[in-house]
Amino acid sequence: MKTRKLGWTGLNLTTIGLGTFAMGGSGWQFSWGPQDDSESISTILRALETGVNWIDTAPGYGCGHAEEIIGKAIKGLSSKPIISTKCGIHCDKDGNIIFRLNRESIRAEVEASLRRLQIDVIDLYQIHWPIPEEDIEEAWETVAEAVKEGKVRYAGVSNFNIEQIKRIQSIHTVASLQPPYSILERGIEDKMLDFCRQNKIGVIVYTPMQQGLLSGKFSRQRLHNLPDEDLRHRDPHFQEPQFSANLELAEGLRPIAQKHGRTVAQLAIAWTLRRPVVTSAIVGARRPSQIEETILAGDWTLPNEDISAIDKLIAKREEALKQA
């Protein structure tokens, strides 16, 4: 699979990275429902076998559970993948999310992630959300200390805006940004991508398939069958009027993908990678077969005619929502 250099860093990431959000399993505020741990481990190992060289996770995913699963999966490997994790999100005893960015909390999080992942250094460590915003400088200073101590190789941010990145750049150079990006979520196209390119900040995008909506396999029945705790029941993209418009767009993608012998999921992922400033797309998987499919998007360069066709589908969706 192709690799791209992450901004100014020495990390070369495969254009597809394995996301472990769903591997956190049940029992926390943003869960996707139950997940079999042995299936998760098999998926991680299969991703590495097929050429993926990096894994994205966070202690917030299952209150540390996803990190623990990764640690078990990679423990005996002679060659370790690049590991990206985050800080700033905690779970209370009921699995509810708490945001904390004070120095003591970040210091403890670094040690906890190293322990759960069973590694000596975190390749990429990111502030998960800029919440509470007044503490981002303190948090960033603490992450910078972890870099100096050799516990972290590179430091990045997730879900930050341009002004927030500017506020911390003088403290320690930002290596990367992890924003949402998909055919349905295009907010970073306005100014953020140009800002990152100009400042040599790597861009790692998440939810390229919009939590399954753009997988080509979603339906009303599938939404109905999701566990009650699945966060997608509360996501506006899965509620009307957006849900119908999104399903129609996904169906419009199908003939574009099929003429290349590809799947809708591969098309949705390749679309996010069409911009050179995007280093890699995080693709979640719960079973080996899922990553076996989506990894094939990493080497697909979309023809301009297909990009134009997708632009028309996007415009049609936007018009439908205006009239809804």
Protein backbone atom coordinates (compact mmCIF):
# COMPACT_ATOMS: atom_id res chain seq x y z
CA MET A 1 0.00 0.00 0.00
CA LYS A 2 1.06 3.58 -0.61
CA THR A 3 2.52 5.61 2.21
CA ARG A 4 2.52 9.36 2.72
CA LYS A 5 4.75 11.43 4.96
CA LEU A 6 2.92 12.85 7.97
CA GLY A 7 3.55 16.58 7.67
CA TRP A 8 7.03 17.57 8.81
CA THR A 9 7.56 14.38 10.84
CA GLY A 10 9.59 11.28 10.16
CA LEU A 11 6.49 9.09 10.12
CA ASN A 12 5.40 7.54 6.83
CA LEU A 13 1.85 6.26 7.20
CA THR A 14 -0.03 3.91 4.92
CA THR A 15 -2.92 5.74 3.32
CA ILE A 16 -5.26 3.52 5.32
CA GLY A 17 -4.95 3.33 9.10
CA LEU A 18 -6.93 0.93 11.29
CA GLY A 19 -9.47 2.63 13.55
CA THR A 20 -10.42 0.92 16.82
CA PHE A 21 -13.40 2.96 18.00
CA ALA A 22 -15.83 0.02 17.86
CA MET A 23 -13.30 -2.27 19.53
CA GLY A 24 -13.99 -0.41 22.75
CA GLY A 25 -17.14 -2.50 23.00
CA SER A 26 -20.09 -1.82 25.28
CA GLY A 27 -20.56 0.13 28.48
CA TRP A 28 -19.52 3.66 27.56
CA GLN A 29 -21.35 6.75 26.38
CA PHE A 30 -20.51 6.59 22.66
CA SER A 31 -20.44 2.83 22.23
CA TRP A 32 -21.37 1.04 19.02
CA GLY A 33 -22.53 -1.89 21.12
CA PRO A 34 -20.97 -5.29 21.98
CA GLN A 35 -17.78 -6.40 20.28
CA ASP A 36 -15.99 -9.74 20.52
CA ASP A 37 -12.40 -9.20 21.72
CA SER A 38 -11.00 -12.19 19.86
CA GLU A 39 -12.54 -10.81 16.66
CA SER A 40 -10.90 -7.47 17.37
CA ILE A 41 -7.49 -9.08 17.79
CA SER A 42 -7.93 -11.07 14.58
CA THR A 43 -8.88 -7.86 12.78
CA ILE A 44 -5.80 -6.03 14.05
CA LEU A 45 -3.48 -8.83 13.00
CA ARG A 46 -5.15 -9.15 9.60
CA ALA A 47 -4.81 -5.41 8.99
CA LEU A 48 -1.09 -5.63 9.65
CA GLU A 49 -0.75 -8.71 7.43
CA THR A 50 -2.41 -6.90 4.54
CA GLY A 51 -0.03 -3.93 4.76
CA VAL A 52 -1.56 -1.39 7.16
CA ASN A 53 1.34 0.06 9.15
CA TRP A 54 -0.45 2.12 11.77
CA ILE A 55 -3.31 1.90 14.27
CA ASP A 56 -5.40 4.72 15.71
CA THR A 57 -6.96 4.46 19.15
CA ALA A 58 -7.81 6.44 22.28
CA PRO A 59 -8.37 5.70 25.97
CA GLY A 60 -11.90 7.02 25.51
CA TYR A 61 -12.76 4.05 23.29
CA GLY A 62 -14.33 1.70 25.81
CA CYS A 63 -12.71 3.45 28.78
CA GLY A 64 -9.27 2.06 27.90
CA HIS A 65 -10.49 -1.25 26.51
CA ALA A 66 -9.48 -0.61 22.89
CA GLU A 67 -5.93 0.22 23.98
CA GLU A 68 -5.79 -2.99 26.03
CA ILE A 69 -6.91 -5.05 23.04
CA ILE A 70 -4.22 -3.48 20.83
CA GLY A 71 -1.62 -4.21 23.50
CA LYS A 72 -2.59 -7.87 23.53
CA ALA A 73 -2.63 -8.09 19.73
CA ILE A 74 0.81 -6.59 19.13
CA LYS A 75 2.61 -7.91 22.22
CA GLY A 76 4.41 -10.78 20.50
CA LEU A 77 5.13 -9.05 17.20
CA SER A 78 8.78 -8.60 16.25
CA SER A 79 7.88 -5.52 14.19
CA LYS A 80 5.45 -3.15 15.88
CA PRO A 81 3.01 -0.94 13.96
CA ILE A 82 2.96 2.83 14.39
CA ILE A 83 0.60 3.61 17.26
CA SER A 84 -1.48 6.76 17.53
CA THR A 85 -3.50 7.46 20.66
CA LYS A 86 -4.98 10.45 22.45
CA CYS A 87 -5.62 12.19 25.74
CA GLY A 88 -8.23 14.38 27.40
CA ILE A 89 -11.24 12.05 27.61
CA HIS A 90 -12.10 10.03 30.71
CA CYS A 91 -14.96 7.75 31.74
CA ASP A 92 -16.81 7.93 35.02
CA LYS A 93 -18.03 4.78 36.78
CA ASP A 94 -21.12 4.68 34.55
CA GLY A 95 -19.17 5.05 31.29
CA ASN A 96 -20.06 8.69 30.78
CA ILE A 97 -17.44 10.87 29.11
CA ILE A 98 -15.59 13.53 31.11
CA PHE A 99 -13.23 16.05 29.46
CA ARG A 100 -10.02 16.95 31.35
CA LEU A 101 -6.89 18.70 30.09
CA ASN A 102 -5.00 19.66 33.25
CA ARG A 103 -1.35 18.77 33.64
CA GLU A 104 -1.75 16.06 36.29
CA SER A 105 -4.41 14.30 34.26
CA ILE A 106 -2.37 14.30 31.03
CA ARG A 107 0.71 12.99 32.82
CA ALA A 108 -1.30 10.12 34.24
CA GLU A 109 -2.90 9.40 30.86
CA VAL A 110 0.45 9.05 29.12
CA GLU A 111 1.56 6.42 31.63
CA ALA A 112 -1.77 4.59 31.49
CA SER A 113 -1.73 4.41 27.68
CA LEU A 114 1.85 3.12 27.63
CA ARG A 115 0.86 0.44 30.13
CA ARG A 116 -2.30 -0.66 28.32
CA LEU A 117 -0.63 -0.67 24.90
CA GLN A 118 2.44 -2.46 26.32
CA ILE A 119 4.84 -0.16 24.46
CA ASP A 120 7.74 2.08 25.52
CA VAL A 121 6.92 5.11 23.38
CA ILE A 122 3.77 6.46 21.73
CA ASP A 123 4.47 7.34 18.09
CA LEU A 124 1.75 9.99 17.80
CA TYR A 125 -0.02 11.46 20.83
CA GLN A 126 -2.96 13.79 20.28
CA ILE A 127 -5.24 15.97 22.36
CA HIS A 128 -8.58 14.34 21.58
CA TRP A 129 -10.85 17.39 21.88
CA PRO A 130 -10.09 21.04 22.79
CA ILE A 131 -12.34 20.76 25.85
CA PRO A 132 -12.20 22.63 28.15
CA GLU A 133 -10.77 25.16 25.72
CA GLU A 134 -9.15 27.31 28.40
CA ASP A 135 -6.83 24.41 29.27
CA ILE A 136 -5.42 23.59 25.82
CA GLU A 137 -2.16 25.47 26.45
CA GLU A 138 -1.57 23.61 29.73
CA ALA A 139 -2.35 20.30 28.07
CA TRP A 140 -0.09 21.03 25.12
CA GLU A 141 2.79 22.01 27.39
CA THR A 142 2.37 18.70 29.19
CA VAL A 143 2.33 16.71 25.96
CA ALA A 144 5.49 18.58 24.88
CA GLU A 145 7.15 17.48 28.13
CA ALA A 146 6.30 13.87 27.29
CA VAL A 147 8.02 14.33 23.92
CA LYS A 148 11.16 15.68 25.62
CA GLU A 149 11.11 12.75 28.04
CA GLY A 150 11.02 10.26 25.16
CA LYS A 151 7.59 8.87 26.02
CA VAL A 152 6.04 10.39 22.89
CA ARG A 153 7.64 10.77 19.44
CA TYR A 154 5.31 13.33 17.87
CA ALA A 155 2.43 15.41 19.19
CA GLY A 156 -0.75 16.27 17.33
CA VAL A 157 -4.30 17.42 17.87
CA SER A 158 -7.76 16.17 16.99
CA ASN A 159 -10.89 18.24 16.34
CA PHE A 160 -9.07 21.58 16.76
CA ASN A 161 -9.87 24.65 14.65
CA ILE A 162 -7.29 26.94 13.08
CA GLU A 163 -7.27 29.51 15.88
CA GLN A 164 -6.79 26.82 18.51
CA ILE A 165 -3.82 25.39 16.61
CA LYS A 166 -2.30 28.86 16.31
CA ARG A 167 -2.58 29.31 20.07
CA ILE A 168 -0.37 26.29 20.80
CA GLN A 169 2.08 26.36 17.87
CA SER A 170 4.60 28.55 19.71
CA ILE A 171 4.68 26.11 22.64
CA HIS A 172 5.51 23.05 20.52
CA THR A 173 5.15 22.51 16.77
CA VAL A 174 1.97 20.65 15.88
CA ALA A 175 2.72 17.49 13.90
CA SER A 176 -0.78 16.55 12.81
CA LEU A 177 -4.49 17.25 12.84
CA GLN A 178 -7.18 14.57 13.02
CA PRO A 179 -10.51 16.01 11.78
CA PRO A 180 -13.71 14.36 10.53
CA TYR A 181 -13.90 14.23 6.74
CA SER A 182 -16.23 12.45 4.36
CA ILE A 183 -18.47 13.11 1.39
CA LEU A 184 -21.07 14.16 3.99
CA GLU A 185 -18.69 16.15 6.24
CA ARG A 186 -16.62 18.62 4.23
CA GLY A 187 -15.96 21.41 6.71
CA ILE A 188 -12.16 21.18 6.50
CA GLU A 189 -12.19 21.97 2.77
CA ASP A 190 -12.95 25.65 3.37
CA LYS A 191 -9.73 26.81 5.07
CA MET A 192 -8.30 24.05 7.25
CA LEU A 193 -6.65 21.92 4.55
CA ASP A 194 -4.81 24.93 3.10
CA PHE A 195 -3.71 25.97 6.59
CA CYS A 196 -2.30 22.51 7.28
CA ARG A 197 -0.52 22.39 3.93
CA GLN A 198 1.07 25.81 4.49
CA ASN A 199 2.24 24.81 7.98
CA LYS A 200 3.34 21.28 7.03
CA ILE A 201 0.85 19.76 9.45
CA GLY A 202 -0.13 16.20 8.56
CA VAL A 203 -3.85 15.50 8.17
CA ILE A 204 -5.33 12.18 9.30
CA VAL A 205 -9.06 12.05 8.62
CA TYR A 206 -11.64 10.00 10.48
CA THR A 207 -15.12 8.68 9.60
CA PRO A 208 -14.49 8.59 5.81
CA MET A 209 -17.46 6.20 5.56
CA GLN A 210 -19.52 8.36 7.94
CA GLN A 211 -19.96 5.60 10.52
CA GLY A 212 -21.10 3.09 7.92
CA LEU A 213 -23.55 5.30 6.02
CA LEU A 214 -21.21 5.37 3.02
CA SER A 215 -20.28 1.70 3.17
CA GLY A 216 -22.91 0.73 0.62
CA LYS A 217 -24.34 -1.71 3.15
CA PHE A 218 -26.49 0.53 5.30
CA SER A 219 -30.28 0.53 5.27
CA ARG A 220 -33.29 1.48 7.36
CA GLN A 221 -33.51 -2.09 8.61
CA ARG A 222 -29.86 -2.09 9.66
CA LEU A 223 -30.40 1.13 11.61
CA HIS A 224 -33.43 -0.42 13.27
CA ASN A 225 -31.39 -3.51 14.24
CA LEU A 226 -28.54 -1.58 15.87
CA PRO A 227 -28.24 -2.06 19.65
CA ASP A 228 -30.11 0.56 21.67
CA GLU A 229 -26.82 1.89 23.06
CA ASP A 230 -25.34 2.46 19.57
CA LEU A 231 -24.56 6.19 19.31
CA ARG A 232 -25.78 6.30 15.72
CA HIS A 233 -29.36 6.37 16.98
CA ARG A 234 -28.52 9.86 18.28
CA ASP A 235 -26.49 11.09 15.30
CA PRO A 236 -28.23 13.67 13.03
CA HIS A 237 -26.87 11.91 9.94
CA PHE A 238 -29.00 8.90 10.90
CA GLN A 239 -32.15 10.95 11.54
CA GLU A 240 -34.59 12.52 9.12
CA PRO A 241 -34.41 14.40 6.88
CA GLN A 242 -30.70 13.65 6.57
CA PHE A 243 -30.99 9.87 6.74
CA SER A 244 -33.07 9.53 3.56
CA ALA A 245 -30.87 12.00 1.68
CA ASN A 246 -27.74 10.18 2.81
CA LEU A 247 -29.03 6.77 1.74
CA GLU A 248 -29.94 8.20 -1.67
CA LEU A 249 -26.44 9.64 -2.07
CA ALA A 250 -24.87 6.31 -1.10
CA GLU A 251 -26.98 4.57 -3.77
CA GLY A 252 -25.78 7.16 -6.28
CA LEU A 253 -22.20 6.17 -5.49
CA ARG A 254 -22.84 2.53 -6.35
CA PRO A 255 -22.70 2.73 -10.18
CA ILE A 256 -19.57 4.89 -9.98
CA ALA A 257 -17.85 2.24 -7.87
CA GLN A 258 -19.17 -0.70 -9.90
CA LYS A 259 -17.80 0.52 -13.21
CA HIS A 260 -14.33 0.13 -11.66
CA GLY A 261 -15.14 -3.20 -10.02
CA ARG A 262 -14.99 -1.48 -6.64
CA THR A 263 -17.28 -1.16 -3.63
CA VAL A 264 -19.06 1.94 -2.36
CA ALA A 265 -16.94 1.84 0.80
CA GLN A 266 -13.73 1.88 -1.24
CA LEU A 267 -15.03 4.80 -3.28
CA ALA A 268 -15.96 6.83 -0.19
CA ILE A 269 -12.51 6.30 1.34
CA ALA A 270 -10.61 6.99 -1.89
CA TRP A 271 -12.57 10.26 -2.25
CA THR A 272 -11.07 11.55 1.03
CA LEU A 273 -7.57 10.60 -0.15
CA ARG A 274 -7.86 12.46 -3.46
CA ARG A 275 -6.26 15.52 -1.85
CA PRO A 276 -2.46 15.19 -1.39
CA VAL A 277 -2.58 17.14 1.90
CA VAL A 278 -4.53 14.26 3.45
CA THR A 279 -1.92 11.83 4.76
CA SER A 280 -4.18 8.93 5.65
CA ALA A 281 -7.76 7.91 6.34
CA ILE A 282 -8.71 6.06 9.51
CA VAL A 283 -10.93 3.13 8.63
CA GLY A 284 -12.69 1.28 11.42
CA ALA A 285 -13.17 -2.47 11.28
CA ARG A 286 -14.75 -5.05 13.56
CA ARG A 287 -13.97 -8.15 11.48
CA PRO A 288 -11.00 -9.17 9.28
CA SER A 289 -13.21 -9.21 6.19
CA GLN A 290 -13.99 -5.51 6.62
CA ILE A 291 -10.37 -4.36 6.54
CA GLU A 292 -9.66 -6.77 3.67
CA GLU A 293 -12.23 -4.84 1.65
CA THR A 294 -11.45 -1.28 2.66
CA ILE A 295 -7.66 -1.53 2.44
CA LEU A 296 -8.04 -1.69 -1.35
CA ALA A 297 -9.05 1.99 -1.34
CA GLY A 298 -5.55 3.01 -0.29
CA ASP A 299 -4.05 2.64 -3.76
CA TRP A 300 -7.01 3.94 -5.80
CA THR A 301 -6.64 7.30 -7.52
CA LEU A 302 -10.06 8.55 -8.57
CA PRO A 303 -10.49 9.82 -12.15
CA ASN A 304 -11.59 13.45 -12.43
CA GLU A 305 -14.85 12.42 -14.09
CA ASP A 306 -15.78 10.39 -11.00
CA ILE A 307 -14.93 13.27 -8.67
CA SER A 308 -17.21 15.48 -10.77
CA ALA A 309 -19.99 12.89 -10.63
CA ILE A 310 -19.71 12.78 -6.85
CA ASP A 311 -19.84 16.58 -6.71
CA LYS A 312 -23.18 16.40 -8.50
CA LEU A 313 -24.50 13.87 -5.99
CA ILE A 314 -23.41 16.14 -3.14
CA ALA A 315 -25.18 19.12 -4.72
CA LYS A 316 -28.33 17.02 -5.22
CA ARG A 317 -28.29 16.00 -1.55
CA GLU A 318 -27.84 19.59 -0.39
CA GLU A 319 -30.77 20.72 -2.54
CA ALA A 320 -32.97 17.92 -1.18
CA LEU A 321 -32.20 18.96 2.38
CA LYS A 322 -33.04 22.58 1.62
CA GLN A 323 -36.46 21.50 0.40
CA ALA A 324 -37.10 19.05 3.25
